[in-house]
Amino acid sequence: MTYSAATKRYDAMPYRRCGASGLKLPAISLGLWHNFGDIDALATQRALLRAAFDRGVTHFDLANNYGPPPGSAEVNFGRIFAEDFKAYRDELIISSKAGWQMWDGPYGSMTGTRKHLIASCDQSLKRMGLDYVDIFYSHRPDPHTPLEETMGALATLVQQGKALYVGISNYGPDLTQKAADILKSLGVPLLISQPNYSLLDRWIEPALLETNARNGVGTIVFSPLAQGFLSDKYLSGLPEDSRAARLDWVRAGLTDAKLALIRQLNELAKARGQSLARLALAWTLKDERVTSTLIGARTVEQLTDSLGALDNLAFSDDELVRLDQLTRDALPGIFTAPPKSTGQDLIDNPHFRA
């Protein structure tokens, strides 16, 4: 059946300006990290994208290595785009990234070289059937490539018309400042930064948020539900079909202290008339410096439930104090920013490969 977008798709979604730019993003964006690979049903992917756009989600976030297998999320998105969304191209923000292992040999490995980024962007455009992406990111800092080379490659992509804007993902405050300075000198502003952020991991407060704001850089956060921990899925333990049950690195993060905290947060959510997931998503948007929060979804029902967070974004001062107290008491290192990272810690930590 030919897709025709809902006529009232812009009525309920709030849009926020991205840093000092004129570009606005939806408060909730859809990430295609999971559930859009070749192991996932194309019909479900199509239903998710249609349902998201019908609710005003105009931003779809991808990366060259999303799948599995790597690249398949872009291929699947490109097929659905051609069949359903081509007529709406100018209403969409489509982003991609590069920097993790993608193809054989030294130029396709985990790197931020000019060779890798420009080749990756060309490959992504081909997979998706696009002339350009709206945002192209350096997916991770590379300790073995000069930052000037990485940022110079991003600037070239804008100058070539292959990307309208550029961003960085998984960069700490010090490297973000350097990246912003380099790009400014090249006449291509840094539009956006994409870090992980949730009630269980608040490392971007305050340094990265302040660095982004000072440089006019927007912030879009990923993993706002902390790999699903901030949902009702884990309130009674470890479900057999959960991501934590399948992946050792996810399960290692589900400590007794986190489980106890999750249950306390759930009680606060109930007092607000929200599910835990909706509370967690709304909380990431409490600070106006956060432009958008990236969600994933396996089903249309899960997507709809997450978008329900928009029904109650307001927090009282007492609620914010209580949330701060709960997270500080349970997770003392929750506000600790990583040391002056050069990127090696990201190479060793699969949690950041978003």
Protein backbone atom coordinates (compact mmCIF):
# COMPACT_ATOMS: atom_id res chain seq x y z
CA MET A 1 0.00 0.00 0.00
CA THR A 2 1.33 3.43 -0.93
CA TYR A 3 2.32 5.42 2.13
CA SER A 4 0.81 8.84 2.75
CA ALA A 5 2.04 10.60 5.89
CA ALA A 6 -0.42 11.71 8.56
CA THR A 7 -1.65 15.23 7.88
CA LYS A 8 -1.38 16.23 11.55
CA ARG A 9 2.12 14.82 12.04
CA TYR A 10 3.53 18.11 13.35
CA ASP A 11 0.79 18.91 15.84
CA ALA A 12 2.15 17.22 18.98
CA MET A 13 5.93 16.95 18.58
CA PRO A 14 8.00 19.76 20.16
CA TYR A 15 11.05 20.87 18.16
CA ARG A 16 14.19 22.35 19.67
CA ARG A 17 16.84 24.52 18.06
CA CYS A 18 20.16 22.71 17.69
CA GLY A 19 22.72 24.81 19.52
CA ALA A 20 23.27 28.20 17.91
CA SER A 21 22.19 27.00 14.48
CA GLY A 22 18.83 27.62 12.84
CA LEU A 23 18.13 23.88 12.56
CA LYS A 24 15.43 22.35 14.73
CA LEU A 25 15.23 18.68 15.71
CA PRO A 26 12.33 16.78 17.22
CA ALA A 27 12.58 16.36 20.99
CA ILE A 28 12.60 12.60 20.37
CA SER A 29 14.51 11.16 17.41
CA LEU A 30 14.61 7.56 16.17
CA GLY A 31 17.92 5.71 16.20
CA LEU A 32 18.46 2.72 13.93
CA TRP A 33 21.32 1.14 15.91
CA HIS A 34 19.21 -1.94 16.67
CA ASN A 35 16.18 -3.54 14.98
CA PHE A 36 16.99 -2.46 11.41
CA GLY A 37 19.50 -5.12 10.36
CA ASP A 38 19.01 -8.09 8.05
CA ILE A 39 18.02 -10.24 11.04
CA ASP A 40 14.95 -8.01 11.54
CA ALA A 41 11.73 -8.13 9.54
CA LEU A 42 11.58 -5.43 6.88
CA ALA A 43 7.83 -5.06 7.42
CA THR A 44 8.43 -4.18 11.07
CA GLN A 45 11.13 -1.66 10.10
CA ARG A 46 8.76 -0.04 7.62
CA ALA A 47 5.98 0.14 10.22
CA LEU A 48 8.34 1.74 12.76
CA LEU A 49 9.55 4.43 10.35
CA ARG A 50 6.03 5.24 9.19
CA ALA A 51 4.67 5.41 12.73
CA ALA A 52 7.55 7.63 13.83
CA PHE A 53 7.14 10.12 10.99
CA ASP A 54 3.37 10.17 11.48
CA ARG A 55 4.06 11.38 15.05
CA GLY A 56 6.45 14.14 13.98
CA VAL A 57 9.74 12.27 14.33
CA THR A 58 11.63 13.89 11.48
CA HIS A 59 15.13 12.72 12.44
CA PHE A 60 16.41 9.21 11.65
CA ASP A 61 19.89 8.48 12.99
CA LEU A 62 22.11 5.81 11.41
CA ALA A 63 25.77 4.83 11.15
CA ASN A 64 27.73 2.88 8.58
CA ASN A 65 28.19 -0.08 10.95
CA TYR A 66 24.57 -0.45 12.10
CA GLY A 67 22.97 -3.81 11.43
CA PRO A 68 23.79 -6.62 11.83
CA PRO A 69 25.57 -7.23 9.55
CA PRO A 70 27.31 -3.84 9.38
CA GLY A 71 25.81 -1.69 6.66
CA SER A 72 22.50 -3.53 6.52
CA ALA A 73 20.58 -0.89 8.48
CA GLU A 74 21.48 1.70 5.86
CA VAL A 75 20.57 -0.67 3.03
CA ASN A 76 17.19 -1.45 4.61
CA PHE A 77 16.53 2.20 5.40
CA GLY A 78 17.42 3.12 1.82
CA ARG A 79 14.94 0.64 0.42
CA ILE A 80 12.14 1.92 2.65
CA PHE A 81 13.11 5.53 1.96
CA ALA A 82 12.88 4.98 -1.80
CA GLU A 83 9.47 3.34 -1.52
CA ASP A 84 7.86 5.45 1.22
CA PHE A 85 9.76 8.64 2.06
CA LYS A 86 11.35 9.98 -1.10
CA ALA A 87 8.58 12.53 -1.53
CA TYR A 88 9.24 13.72 2.05
CA ARG A 89 13.03 14.10 1.75
CA ASP A 90 12.96 17.81 2.55
CA GLU A 91 10.99 17.11 5.74
CA LEU A 92 13.61 14.68 7.06
CA ILE A 93 16.92 14.92 8.88
CA ILE A 94 18.97 11.82 8.05
CA SER A 95 22.32 11.31 9.76
CA SER A 96 25.11 8.78 9.53
CA LYS A 97 28.51 8.24 11.11
CA ALA A 98 31.86 6.54 10.61
CA GLY A 99 34.79 5.58 12.77
CA TRP A 100 34.35 1.97 13.87
CA GLN A 101 35.45 -1.22 12.09
CA MET A 102 33.64 -1.49 8.75
CA TRP A 103 35.67 -3.26 6.04
CA ASP A 104 38.88 -5.27 5.70
CA GLY A 105 42.30 -3.70 5.74
CA PRO A 106 43.82 -0.69 7.47
CA TYR A 107 41.47 1.88 5.91
CA GLY A 108 38.24 0.26 7.07
CA SER A 109 39.28 -0.34 10.65
CA MET A 110 38.55 1.73 13.77
CA THR A 111 39.97 5.00 12.56
CA GLY A 112 39.28 8.67 12.06
CA THR A 113 41.43 9.14 8.98
CA ARG A 114 40.41 11.28 6.03
CA LYS A 115 40.49 8.15 3.86
CA HIS A 116 38.08 6.29 6.12
CA LEU A 117 35.59 9.10 6.73
CA ILE A 118 35.22 10.23 3.13
CA ALA A 119 35.06 6.68 1.76
CA SER A 120 32.54 5.77 4.48
CA CYS A 121 30.30 8.70 3.63
CA ASP A 122 30.36 7.73 -0.05
CA GLN A 123 29.46 4.15 0.86
CA SER A 124 26.64 5.27 3.17
CA LEU A 125 25.13 7.51 0.50
CA LYS A 126 25.20 4.62 -1.97
CA ARG A 127 23.60 2.19 0.51
CA MET A 128 20.81 4.64 1.33
CA GLY A 129 20.35 5.93 -2.21
CA LEU A 130 20.82 9.54 -1.12
CA ASP A 131 22.57 12.51 -2.68
CA TYR A 132 23.53 13.86 0.75
CA VAL A 133 23.04 13.29 4.46
CA ASP A 134 21.88 16.11 6.67
CA ILE A 135 24.42 15.35 9.41
CA PHE A 136 27.61 13.30 9.19
CA TYR A 137 29.47 12.40 12.38
CA SER A 138 32.89 11.33 13.44
CA HIS A 139 31.62 8.36 15.43
CA ARG A 140 34.49 8.27 17.90
CA PRO A 141 37.79 10.01 18.64
CA ASP A 142 40.81 8.23 17.21
CA PRO A 143 43.97 8.40 19.34
CA HIS A 144 46.12 7.51 16.32
CA THR A 145 44.90 10.20 13.89
CA PRO A 146 45.46 13.94 14.34
CA LEU A 147 42.20 15.65 15.23
CA GLU A 148 42.95 18.20 12.50
CA GLU A 149 42.77 15.39 9.91
CA THR A 150 39.47 14.04 11.22
CA MET A 151 37.81 17.45 11.41
CA GLY A 152 39.29 18.43 8.06
CA ALA A 153 37.60 15.39 6.49
CA LEU A 154 34.24 16.44 7.96
CA ALA A 155 34.70 19.95 6.58
CA THR A 156 35.50 18.51 3.14
CA LEU A 157 32.25 16.52 3.14
CA VAL A 158 30.31 19.73 3.70
CA GLN A 159 32.28 21.53 1.00
CA GLN A 160 31.58 18.66 -1.40
CA GLY A 161 27.85 18.83 -0.67
CA LYS A 162 27.75 15.30 0.73
CA ALA A 163 26.70 16.54 4.20
CA LEU A 164 24.83 19.69 5.20
CA TYR A 165 26.15 19.67 8.78
CA VAL A 166 28.74 17.76 10.79
CA GLY A 167 28.86 16.37 14.29
CA ILE A 168 30.91 14.30 16.72
CA SER A 169 29.89 11.34 18.86
CA ASN A 170 31.48 9.98 22.05
CA TYR A 171 33.83 12.97 22.42
CA GLY A 172 34.59 14.31 25.90
CA PRO A 173 34.61 18.04 26.72
CA ASP A 174 38.30 18.67 26.00
CA LEU A 175 38.28 17.04 22.57
CA THR A 176 34.94 18.68 21.81
CA GLN A 177 36.45 22.11 22.42
CA LYS A 178 39.41 21.31 20.18
CA ALA A 179 37.13 19.91 17.47
CA ALA A 180 34.92 23.00 17.57
CA ASP A 181 37.96 25.28 17.31
CA ILE A 182 39.37 23.39 14.32
CA LEU A 183 36.08 23.32 12.45
CA LYS A 184 35.51 27.01 13.13
CA SER A 185 38.90 27.78 11.60
CA LEU A 186 37.82 25.82 8.51
CA GLY A 187 34.58 27.77 8.18
CA VAL A 188 32.37 24.76 9.00
CA PRO A 189 30.69 25.03 12.41
CA LEU A 190 30.31 21.99 14.63
CA LEU A 191 26.55 21.48 14.71
CA ILE A 192 26.01 18.72 17.23
CA SER A 193 27.51 16.35 19.79
CA GLN A 194 26.11 12.87 20.49
CA PRO A 195 27.07 11.40 23.89
CA ASN A 196 25.43 8.66 25.93
CA TYR A 197 23.31 10.05 28.78
CA SER A 198 20.75 8.67 31.18
CA LEU A 199 19.69 8.67 34.80
CA LEU A 200 22.25 5.89 35.28
CA ASP A 201 25.11 7.69 33.53
CA ARG A 202 25.25 11.47 33.96
CA TRP A 203 28.87 12.04 32.98
CA ILE A 204 28.05 14.88 30.58
CA GLU A 205 26.97 17.04 33.54
CA PRO A 206 28.13 19.70 33.69
CA ALA A 207 31.34 19.89 31.64
CA LEU A 208 30.24 18.57 28.25
CA LEU A 209 26.88 20.36 28.33
CA GLU A 210 28.67 23.60 29.19
CA THR A 211 31.31 23.09 26.50
CA ASN A 212 28.64 22.42 23.87
CA ALA A 213 26.56 25.43 24.90
CA ARG A 214 29.58 27.74 24.98
CA ASN A 215 30.43 26.77 21.41
CA GLY A 216 26.87 26.85 20.09
CA VAL A 217 26.83 23.07 19.68
CA GLY A 218 23.61 21.11 20.11
CA THR A 219 23.48 17.94 22.20
CA ILE A 220 21.59 14.81 21.14
CA VAL A 221 21.84 11.94 23.62
CA PHE A 222 21.78 8.20 23.03
CA SER A 223 20.97 5.27 25.33
CA PRO A 224 18.52 7.35 27.43
CA LEU A 225 17.07 4.09 28.79
CA ALA A 226 20.55 2.73 29.61
CA GLN A 227 20.29 -0.34 27.37
CA GLY A 228 16.76 -0.95 28.60
CA PHE A 229 17.59 -0.93 32.31
CA LEU A 230 15.33 2.11 32.78
CA SER A 231 12.18 0.24 31.86
CA ASP A 232 9.88 -2.19 33.61
CA LYS A 233 11.75 -5.08 31.98
CA TYR A 234 14.25 -5.53 34.82
CA LEU A 235 12.14 -4.65 37.85
CA SER A 236 11.76 -8.32 38.75
CA GLY A 237 15.20 -9.54 37.71
CA LEU A 238 16.83 -10.66 34.46
CA PRO A 239 14.40 -11.77 31.73
CA GLU A 240 15.66 -14.57 29.48
CA ASP A 241 14.84 -12.64 26.30
CA SER A 242 16.50 -9.39 27.41
CA ARG A 243 19.58 -7.74 25.92
CA ALA A 244 21.37 -8.20 29.25
CA ALA A 245 20.75 -11.94 29.08
CA ARG A 246 22.23 -12.09 25.56
CA LEU A 247 25.19 -9.75 25.94
CA ASP A 248 27.84 -10.12 28.64
CA TRP A 249 28.88 -6.44 28.56
CA VAL A 250 25.28 -5.32 29.10
CA ARG A 251 24.68 -7.86 31.89
CA ALA A 252 27.85 -6.73 33.68
CA GLY A 253 26.30 -3.31 34.13
CA LEU A 254 23.23 -4.61 35.92
CA THR A 255 24.58 -4.44 39.47
CA ASP A 256 22.58 -4.88 42.67
CA ALA A 257 22.93 -1.15 43.33
CA LYS A 258 21.45 -0.33 39.92
CA LEU A 259 18.59 -2.78 40.40
CA ALA A 260 17.71 -1.18 43.73
CA LEU A 261 17.91 2.28 42.16
CA ILE A 262 15.73 1.25 39.21
CA ARG A 263 13.01 0.10 41.60
CA GLN A 264 13.15 3.38 43.51
CA LEU A 265 12.94 5.34 40.27
CA ASN A 266 9.94 3.27 39.26
CA GLU A 267 8.11 4.32 42.41
CA LEU A 268 8.79 7.97 41.61
CA ALA A 269 7.56 7.41 38.06
CA LYS A 270 4.31 5.90 39.33
CA ALA A 271 3.78 8.93 41.55
CA ARG A 272 4.05 11.08 38.40
CA GLY A 273 1.61 8.87 36.54
CA GLN A 274 4.31 7.69 34.14
CA SER A 275 6.05 4.46 33.32
CA LEU A 276 9.72 4.26 34.29
CA ALA A 277 10.74 4.49 30.62
CA ARG A 278 8.68 7.62 30.04
CA LEU A 279 10.13 9.22 33.16
CA ALA A 280 13.67 8.40 32.02
CA LEU A 281 13.11 9.84 28.54
CA ALA A 282 11.42 12.98 29.85
CA TRP A 283 14.25 13.49 32.33
CA THR A 284 16.89 13.61 29.57
CA LEU A 285 14.97 16.56 28.09
CA LYS A 286 14.71 18.55 31.32
CA ASP A 287 17.70 20.68 30.29
CA GLU A 288 17.01 22.90 27.28
CA ARG A 289 20.63 22.42 26.20
CA VAL A 290 19.65 18.87 25.20
CA THR A 291 18.24 19.24 21.71
CA SER A 292 16.90 15.71 21.30
CA THR A 293 16.97 12.26 22.83
CA LEU A 294 17.49 9.19 20.64
CA ILE A 295 15.26 6.20 21.18
CA GLY A 296 15.26 2.72 19.70
CA ALA A 297 12.19 0.54 19.28
CA ARG A 298 11.48 -3.09 18.42
CA THR A 299 7.76 -2.63 17.81
CA VAL A 300 5.31 0.14 16.96
CA GLU A 301 3.78 -0.35 20.42
CA GLN A 302 7.16 0.27 22.07
CA LEU A 303 7.69 3.33 19.90
CA THR A 304 4.27 4.71 20.80
CA ASP A 305 4.91 4.13 24.49
CA SER A 306 8.23 5.99 24.32
CA LEU A 307 6.68 8.94 22.49
CA GLY A 308 4.19 9.12 25.35
CA ALA A 309 7.00 10.66 27.41
CA LEU A 310 6.15 13.92 25.63
CA ASP A 311 2.85 14.03 27.50
CA ASN A 312 4.62 15.01 30.72
CA LEU A 313 8.01 16.70 30.36
CA ALA A 314 7.73 18.98 33.40
CA PHE A 315 9.52 18.19 36.67
CA SER A 316 9.01 19.97 39.96
CA ASP A 317 12.04 21.18 41.89
CA ASP A 318 11.32 18.55 44.55
CA GLU A 319 11.30 15.78 41.93
CA LEU A 320 14.62 16.89 40.49
CA VAL A 321 16.19 17.07 43.94
CA ARG A 322 14.88 13.59 44.72
CA LEU A 323 16.22 12.18 41.45
CA ASP A 324 19.62 13.74 42.09
CA GLN A 325 19.68 12.31 45.60
CA LEU A 326 18.70 8.82 44.50
CA THR A 327 21.28 8.63 41.73
CA ARG A 328 24.09 10.18 43.79
CA ASP A 329 23.50 7.81 46.71
CA ALA A 330 23.26 4.66 44.60
CA LEU A 331 25.98 5.45 42.04
CA PRO A 332 28.64 7.75 43.56
CA GLY A 333 30.63 8.03 40.32
CA ILE A 334 27.64 8.91 38.18
CA PHE A 335 28.72 12.50 37.54
CA THR A 336 32.35 11.62 36.86
CA ALA A 337 33.42 12.59 33.38
CA PRO A 338 35.98 10.28 31.77
CA PRO A 339 39.58 11.43 32.00
CA LYS A 340 41.02 13.46 29.13
CA SER A 341 40.24 10.69 26.72
CA THR A 342 42.10 10.30 23.45
CA GLY A 343 39.71 7.58 22.37
CA GLN A 344 41.52 4.39 23.44
CA ASP A 345 38.99 3.83 26.23
CA LEU A 346 36.21 3.87 23.63
CA ILE A 347 38.02 1.30 21.50
CA ASP A 348 38.04 -1.01 24.51
CA ASN A 349 34.41 -0.37 25.56
CA PRO A 350 31.62 -1.76 23.32
CA HIS A 351 28.99 0.27 25.20
CA PHE A 352 30.02 3.34 23.23
CA ARG A 353 29.69 1.76 19.80
CA ALA A 354 26.35 3.39 19.19
